[in-house]
Amino acid sequence: MEELDSIRRDITTHPSNAWAVAAGFEPVYVAHQDARCLIIGQAPGIKAQQSGIPWNDASGRRLIEWLGVDEATFRDPTAFAILPMDFYYPGKATTGDLPPRADFAPRWHPPLLELMPRISLTLVVGDYAQRHYLGGKSSLTERVRSFRDYLPERFPLVHPSPLNFRWQSRNPWFASDVLPELRRRVDEVLSGRR
């Protein structure tokens, strides 16, 4: 845990994050040496940044539902590690939030992942995370539809934002095919069957 604490200090004191420190922001992520599942998303929203709790909003409630776990399990750092593509709220854009900084994950994810050797399932949520970690398919929809191509280590997901209701209504296979398999895989990993 000392090494994880040291990385957190390094993130907070790195010059590229001075603006966040000046704003009173702490990095929003969860890393534990015994974590079994990893969630890689885009960047914390403003509610998560203000509370310091990842996925602390309507998107988080939906994600928990998708995973088939309760809030206590989701918040257990030995069950779920959470590493967004940027650990700080990036600010507001004309529509939605600004994208995560492109250089953030390449700098900070590798040393954190090295200290979490028990992760056996990584949920790659949204286009920013998928382009970085999965590449390949040309669109988020293709990656999510082809989720079996990435198993057993990785599982691509659309962002659980309530604003994605149109995407979900256009892609009913997500609820019928993807979510049951997601829940099954998460249950296997958390129960130690995988």
C-alpha atoms as a PDB file:
ATOM      1  CA  MET A   1       0.000   0.000   0.000  1.00  0.00           C
ATOM      2  CA  GLU A   2       2.954   2.325   0.579  1.00  0.00           C
ATOM      3  CA  GLU A   3       3.770   2.248  -3.119  1.00  0.00           C
ATOM      4  CA  LEU A   4       0.171   3.069  -4.037  1.00  0.00           C
ATOM      5  CA  ASP A   5       0.205   5.980  -1.572  1.00  0.00           C
ATOM      6  CA  SER A   6       3.476   7.189  -3.070  1.00  0.00           C
ATOM      7  CA  ILE A   7       1.983   7.208  -6.577  1.00  0.00           C
ATOM      8  CA  ARG A   8      -1.022   9.183  -5.296  1.00  0.00           C
ATOM      9  CA  ARG A   9       1.366  11.784  -3.876  1.00  0.00           C
ATOM     10  CA  ASP A  10       3.261  11.885  -7.178  1.00  0.00           C
ATOM     11  CA  ILE A  11       0.021  12.448  -9.101  1.00  0.00           C
ATOM     12  CA  THR A  12      -1.067  15.241  -6.771  1.00  0.00           C
ATOM     13  CA  THR A  13       2.284  17.032  -6.852  1.00  0.00           C
ATOM     14  CA  HIS A  14       3.004  16.605 -10.565  1.00  0.00           C
ATOM     15  CA  PRO A  15       3.237  20.045 -12.278  1.00  0.00           C
ATOM     16  CA  SER A  16       0.625  19.068 -14.884  1.00  0.00           C
ATOM     17  CA  ASN A  17      -1.928  18.781 -12.061  1.00  0.00           C
ATOM     18  CA  ALA A  18      -1.112  22.064 -10.305  1.00  0.00           C
ATOM     19  CA  TRP A  19      -4.333  23.611 -11.647  1.00  0.00           C
ATOM     20  CA  ALA A  20      -6.338  20.836  -9.924  1.00  0.00           C
ATOM     21  CA  VAL A  21      -4.559  21.348  -6.620  1.00  0.00           C
ATOM     22  CA  ALA A  22      -5.205  25.092  -6.897  1.00  0.00           C
ATOM     23  CA  ALA A  23      -8.917  24.309  -7.417  1.00  0.00           C
ATOM     24  CA  GLY A  24      -8.908  22.091  -4.323  1.00  0.00           C
ATOM     25  CA  PHE A  25      -9.356  18.871  -6.337  1.00  0.00           C
ATOM     26  CA  GLU A  26      -8.041  15.479  -5.233  1.00  0.00           C
ATOM     27  CA  PRO A  27      -7.412  12.773  -7.842  1.00  0.00           C
ATOM     28  CA  VAL A  28     -10.525  10.603  -8.201  1.00  0.00           C
ATOM     29  CA  TYR A  29      -9.639   6.928  -8.600  1.00  0.00           C
ATOM     30  CA  VAL A  30      -9.513   3.694  -6.601  1.00  0.00           C
ATOM     31  CA  ALA A  31      -6.502   1.368  -6.541  1.00  0.00           C
ATOM     32  CA  HIS A  32      -5.957  -1.585  -4.215  1.00  0.00           C
ATOM     33  CA  GLN A  33      -3.418  -4.389  -4.403  1.00  0.00           C
ATOM     34  CA  ASP A  34      -6.173  -7.028  -4.034  1.00  0.00           C
ATOM     35  CA  ALA A  35      -8.652  -5.613  -6.577  1.00  0.00           C
ATOM     36  CA  ARG A  36     -10.181  -8.262  -8.864  1.00  0.00           C
ATOM     37  CA  CYS A  37     -12.076  -6.130 -11.413  1.00  0.00           C
ATOM     38  CA  LEU A  38     -10.883  -2.907 -12.982  1.00  0.00           C
ATOM     39  CA  ILE A  39     -13.126  -0.227 -14.449  1.00  0.00           C
ATOM     40  CA  ILE A  40     -11.484   2.162 -16.909  1.00  0.00           C
ATOM     41  CA  GLY A  41     -13.730   5.076 -17.859  1.00  0.00           C
ATOM     42  CA  GLN A  42     -13.181   8.570 -19.219  1.00  0.00           C
ATOM     43  CA  ALA A  43     -12.829  11.146 -16.413  1.00  0.00           C
ATOM     44  CA  PRO A  44     -14.767  11.974 -13.260  1.00  0.00           C
ATOM     45  CA  GLY A  45     -17.812  14.188 -13.633  1.00  0.00           C
ATOM     46  CA  ILE A  46     -18.197  17.284 -11.506  1.00  0.00           C
ATOM     47  CA  LYS A  47     -20.215  15.444  -8.810  1.00  0.00           C
ATOM     48  CA  ALA A  48     -17.538  12.764  -8.499  1.00  0.00           C
ATOM     49  CA  GLN A  49     -14.812  15.417  -8.368  1.00  0.00           C
ATOM     50  CA  GLN A  50     -16.591  17.401  -5.670  1.00  0.00           C
ATOM     51  CA  SER A  51     -17.304  14.339  -3.530  1.00  0.00           C
ATOM     52  CA  GLY A  52     -14.052  12.490  -4.280  1.00  0.00           C
ATOM     53  CA  ILE A  53     -16.134   9.360  -5.008  1.00  0.00           C
ATOM     54  CA  PRO A  54     -15.892   7.825  -8.506  1.00  0.00           C
ATOM     55  CA  TRP A  55     -19.150   7.209 -10.377  1.00  0.00           C
ATOM     56  CA  ASN A  56     -21.055   9.206  -7.752  1.00  0.00           C
ATOM     57  CA  ASP A  57     -23.948  10.139 -10.053  1.00  0.00           C
ATOM     58  CA  ALA A  58     -26.760   8.741 -12.221  1.00  0.00           C
ATOM     59  CA  SER A  59     -24.206   7.068 -14.515  1.00  0.00           C
ATOM     60  CA  GLY A  60     -22.692   5.283 -11.538  1.00  0.00           C
ATOM     61  CA  ARG A  61     -26.079   4.042 -10.353  1.00  0.00           C
ATOM     62  CA  ARG A  62     -26.745   2.621 -13.798  1.00  0.00           C
ATOM     63  CA  LEU A  63     -23.285   1.034 -13.987  1.00  0.00           C
ATOM     64  CA  ILE A  64     -23.841  -0.692 -10.630  1.00  0.00           C
ATOM     65  CA  GLU A  65     -27.151  -2.021 -11.950  1.00  0.00           C
ATOM     66  CA  TRP A  66     -25.476  -3.263 -15.140  1.00  0.00           C
ATOM     67  CA  LEU A  67     -22.811  -5.088 -13.104  1.00  0.00           C
ATOM     68  CA  GLY A  68     -25.423  -6.859 -10.982  1.00  0.00           C
ATOM     69  CA  VAL A  69     -23.758  -5.895  -7.693  1.00  0.00           C
ATOM     70  CA  ASP A  70     -24.837  -3.785  -4.740  1.00  0.00           C
ATOM     71  CA  GLU A  71     -23.368  -0.421  -3.784  1.00  0.00           C
ATOM     72  CA  ALA A  72     -21.235  -1.900  -0.986  1.00  0.00           C
ATOM     73  CA  THR A  73     -19.598  -4.389  -3.369  1.00  0.00           C
ATOM     74  CA  PHE A  74     -19.028  -1.711  -5.984  1.00  0.00           C
ATOM     75  CA  ARG A  75     -17.331   0.504  -3.378  1.00  0.00           C
ATOM     76  CA  ASP A  76     -15.158  -2.322  -2.026  1.00  0.00           C
ATOM     77  CA  PRO A  77     -11.638  -1.572  -3.340  1.00  0.00           C
ATOM     78  CA  THR A  78     -10.699  -5.260  -3.172  1.00  0.00           C
ATOM     79  CA  ALA A  79     -13.550  -5.957  -5.614  1.00  0.00           C
ATOM     80  CA  PHE A  80     -13.330  -2.981  -8.000  1.00  0.00           C
ATOM     81  CA  ALA A  81     -10.425  -0.708  -8.862  1.00  0.00           C
ATOM     82  CA  ILE A  82     -11.408   2.398 -10.822  1.00  0.00           C
ATOM     83  CA  LEU A  83      -8.908   4.153 -13.099  1.00  0.00           C
ATOM     84  CA  PRO A  84     -10.433   6.796 -15.363  1.00  0.00           C
ATOM     85  CA  MET A  85      -8.439   8.052 -18.341  1.00  0.00           C
ATOM     86  CA  ASP A  86      -7.909  11.236 -16.275  1.00  0.00           C
ATOM     87  CA  PHE A  87      -8.303  11.428 -12.498  1.00  0.00           C
ATOM     88  CA  TYR A  88      -9.596  15.011 -12.550  1.00  0.00           C
ATOM     89  CA  TYR A  89     -12.764  16.627 -13.878  1.00  0.00           C
ATOM     90  CA  PRO A  90     -11.691  18.117 -17.226  1.00  0.00           C
ATOM     91  CA  GLY A  91     -14.252  20.956 -17.300  1.00  0.00           C
ATOM     92  CA  LYS A  92     -17.331  21.747 -19.313  1.00  0.00           C
ATOM     93  CA  ALA A  93     -17.453  21.770 -23.106  1.00  0.00           C
ATOM     94  CA  THR A  94     -20.183  23.198 -25.337  1.00  0.00           C
ATOM     95  CA  THR A  95     -21.964  19.856 -25.086  1.00  0.00           C
ATOM     96  CA  GLY A  96     -21.017  17.630 -22.145  1.00  0.00           C
ATOM     97  CA  ASP A  97     -17.602  17.580 -20.516  1.00  0.00           C
ATOM     98  CA  LEU A  98     -14.195  18.151 -22.076  1.00  0.00           C
ATOM     99  CA  PRO A  99     -12.254  14.995 -22.989  1.00  0.00           C
ATOM    100  CA  PRO A 100      -9.687  13.533 -20.599  1.00  0.00           C
ATOM    101  CA  ARG A 101      -6.114  14.698 -21.175  1.00  0.00           C
ATOM    102  CA  ALA A 102      -4.471  12.397 -23.731  1.00  0.00           C
ATOM    103  CA  ASP A 103      -1.175  12.116 -21.837  1.00  0.00           C
ATOM    104  CA  PHE A 104      -2.651  11.320 -18.424  1.00  0.00           C
ATOM    105  CA  ALA A 105      -3.430   7.570 -18.638  1.00  0.00           C
ATOM    106  CA  PRO A 106      -0.156   6.655 -20.402  1.00  0.00           C
ATOM    107  CA  ARG A 107       1.747   8.315 -17.550  1.00  0.00           C
ATOM    108  CA  TRP A 108      -0.205   7.082 -14.507  1.00  0.00           C
ATOM    109  CA  HIS A 109      -1.982   3.844 -15.401  1.00  0.00           C
ATOM    110  CA  PRO A 110       1.099   1.603 -15.908  1.00  0.00           C
ATOM    111  CA  PRO A 111       2.636   2.101 -12.437  1.00  0.00           C
ATOM    112  CA  LEU A 112      -0.760   1.615 -10.778  1.00  0.00           C
ATOM    113  CA  LEU A 113      -1.614  -1.484 -12.811  1.00  0.00           C
ATOM    114  CA  GLU A 114       1.735  -3.009 -11.916  1.00  0.00           C
ATOM    115  CA  LEU A 115       0.700  -2.887  -8.250  1.00  0.00           C
ATOM    116  CA  MET A 116      -2.657  -4.617  -8.856  1.00  0.00           C
ATOM    117  CA  PRO A 117      -1.679  -8.129 -10.009  1.00  0.00           C
ATOM    118  CA  ARG A 118      -4.975  -9.835  -9.078  1.00  0.00           C
ATOM    119  CA  ILE A 119      -7.111  -8.025 -11.665  1.00  0.00           C
ATOM    120  CA  SER A 120      -8.586 -10.608 -13.986  1.00  0.00           C
ATOM    121  CA  LEU A 121     -11.348  -8.592 -15.673  1.00  0.00           C
ATOM    122  CA  THR A 122     -11.081  -5.042 -17.035  1.00  0.00           C
ATOM    123  CA  LEU A 123     -14.247  -3.205 -18.030  1.00  0.00           C
ATOM    124  CA  VAL A 124     -13.385  -0.640 -20.692  1.00  0.00           C
ATOM    125  CA  VAL A 125     -16.128   1.981 -20.563  1.00  0.00           C
ATOM    126  CA  GLY A 126     -16.677   4.499 -23.344  1.00  0.00           C
ATOM    127  CA  ASP A 127     -14.875   5.534 -26.485  1.00  0.00           C
ATOM    128  CA  TYR A 128     -11.847   7.315 -24.953  1.00  0.00           C
ATOM    129  CA  ALA A 129     -10.872   4.297 -22.869  1.00  0.00           C
ATOM    130  CA  GLN A 130     -11.593   1.843 -25.674  1.00  0.00           C
ATOM    131  CA  ARG A 131      -9.538   3.700 -28.261  1.00  0.00           C
ATOM    132  CA  HIS A 132      -6.586   3.696 -25.866  1.00  0.00           C
ATOM    133  CA  TYR A 133      -6.878   0.129 -24.587  1.00  0.00           C
ATOM    134  CA  LEU A 134      -8.608  -1.798 -27.365  1.00  0.00           C
ATOM    135  CA  GLY A 135      -8.063  -0.026 -30.691  1.00  0.00           C
ATOM    136  CA  GLY A 136      -9.087  -2.262 -33.571  1.00  0.00           C
ATOM    137  CA  LYS A 137     -12.760  -1.882 -34.409  1.00  0.00           C
ATOM    138  CA  SER A 138     -13.717   1.445 -35.918  1.00  0.00           C
ATOM    139  CA  SER A 139     -16.549   2.417 -33.559  1.00  0.00           C
ATOM    140  CA  LEU A 140     -17.658   2.018 -29.983  1.00  0.00           C
ATOM    141  CA  THR A 141     -20.772   0.169 -31.160  1.00  0.00           C
ATOM    142  CA  GLU A 142     -18.671  -2.371 -33.067  1.00  0.00           C
ATOM    143  CA  ARG A 143     -16.399  -2.918 -30.078  1.00  0.00           C
ATOM    144  CA  VAL A 144     -19.302  -3.408 -27.667  1.00  0.00           C
ATOM    145  CA  ARG A 145     -21.163  -5.680 -30.093  1.00  0.00           C
ATOM    146  CA  SER A 146     -17.965  -7.733 -30.510  1.00  0.00           C
ATOM    147  CA  PHE A 147     -17.331  -7.929 -26.758  1.00  0.00           C
ATOM    148  CA  ARG A 148     -16.572 -11.662 -26.957  1.00  0.00           C
ATOM    149  CA  ASP A 149     -13.491 -10.854 -29.078  1.00  0.00           C
ATOM    150  CA  TYR A 150     -11.901  -9.199 -26.026  1.00  0.00           C
ATOM    151  CA  LEU A 151     -12.734 -11.839 -23.424  1.00  0.00           C
ATOM    152  CA  PRO A 152     -11.706 -13.158 -20.985  1.00  0.00           C
ATOM    153  CA  GLU A 153      -9.492 -10.242 -19.854  1.00  0.00           C
ATOM    154  CA  ARG A 154     -11.360  -7.211 -21.205  1.00  0.00           C
ATOM    155  CA  PHE A 155     -14.999  -6.262 -21.634  1.00  0.00           C
ATOM    156  CA  PRO A 156     -15.972  -3.133 -23.639  1.00  0.00           C
ATOM    157  CA  LEU A 157     -19.053  -1.192 -22.528  1.00  0.00           C
ATOM    158  CA  VAL A 158     -20.913   1.880 -23.668  1.00  0.00           C
ATOM    159  CA  HIS A 159     -20.920   4.710 -21.111  1.00  0.00           C
ATOM    160  CA  PRO A 160     -23.849   4.241 -18.699  1.00  0.00           C
ATOM    161  CA  SER A 161     -24.934   7.878 -18.898  1.00  0.00           C
ATOM    162  CA  PRO A 162     -28.706   8.365 -18.922  1.00  0.00           C
ATOM    163  CA  LEU A 163     -28.041  10.496 -22.029  1.00  0.00           C
ATOM    164  CA  ASN A 164     -27.174   7.275 -23.897  1.00  0.00           C
ATOM    165  CA  PHE A 165     -30.796   6.096 -23.901  1.00  0.00           C
ATOM    166  CA  ARG A 166     -31.040   6.614 -27.675  1.00  0.00           C
ATOM    167  CA  TRP A 167     -28.005   4.402 -28.278  1.00  0.00           C
ATOM    168  CA  GLN A 168     -29.514   1.699 -26.080  1.00  0.00           C
ATOM    169  CA  SER A 169     -32.908   1.876 -27.796  1.00  0.00           C
ATOM    170  CA  ARG A 170     -31.185   1.542 -31.211  1.00  0.00           C
ATOM    171  CA  ASN A 171     -29.114  -1.396 -29.961  1.00  0.00           C
ATOM    172  CA  PRO A 172     -31.460  -3.737 -28.028  1.00  0.00           C
ATOM    173  CA  TRP A 173     -28.853  -6.524 -28.218  1.00  0.00           C
ATOM    174  CA  PHE A 174     -26.939  -4.650 -25.500  1.00  0.00           C
ATOM    175  CA  ALA A 175     -29.563  -5.443 -22.850  1.00  0.00           C
ATOM    176  CA  SER A 176     -30.360  -8.926 -24.168  1.00  0.00           C
ATOM    177  CA  ASP A 177     -26.837 -10.203 -24.976  1.00  0.00           C
ATOM    178  CA  VAL A 178     -24.173  -8.021 -23.373  1.00  0.00           C
ATOM    179  CA  LEU A 179     -25.518  -7.298 -19.886  1.00  0.00           C
ATOM    180  CA  PRO A 180     -26.268 -10.926 -18.905  1.00  0.00           C
ATOM    181  CA  GLU A 181     -22.732 -11.942 -19.938  1.00  0.00           C
ATOM    182  CA  LEU A 182     -21.257  -8.944 -18.117  1.00  0.00           C
ATOM    183  CA  ARG A 183     -23.042  -9.929 -14.900  1.00  0.00           C
ATOM    184  CA  ARG A 184     -21.948 -13.533 -15.275  1.00  0.00           C
ATOM    185  CA  ARG A 185     -18.290 -12.567 -15.775  1.00  0.00           C
ATOM    186  CA  VAL A 186     -18.288 -10.110 -12.860  1.00  0.00           C
ATOM    187  CA  ASP A 187     -19.879 -12.719 -10.594  1.00  0.00           C
ATOM    188  CA  GLU A 188     -17.261 -15.317 -11.630  1.00  0.00           C
ATOM    189  CA  VAL A 189     -14.382 -12.966 -10.884  1.00  0.00           C
ATOM    190  CA  LEU A 190     -15.702 -11.685  -7.562  1.00  0.00           C
ATOM    191  CA  SER A 191     -16.599 -15.159  -6.336  1.00  0.00           C
ATOM    192  CA  GLY A 192     -13.106 -16.413  -7.220  1.00  0.00           C
ATOM    193  CA  ARG A 193     -14.224 -18.846  -9.901  1.00  0.00           C
ATOM    194  CA  ARG A 194     -11.908 -17.116 -12.353  1.00  0.00           C
END
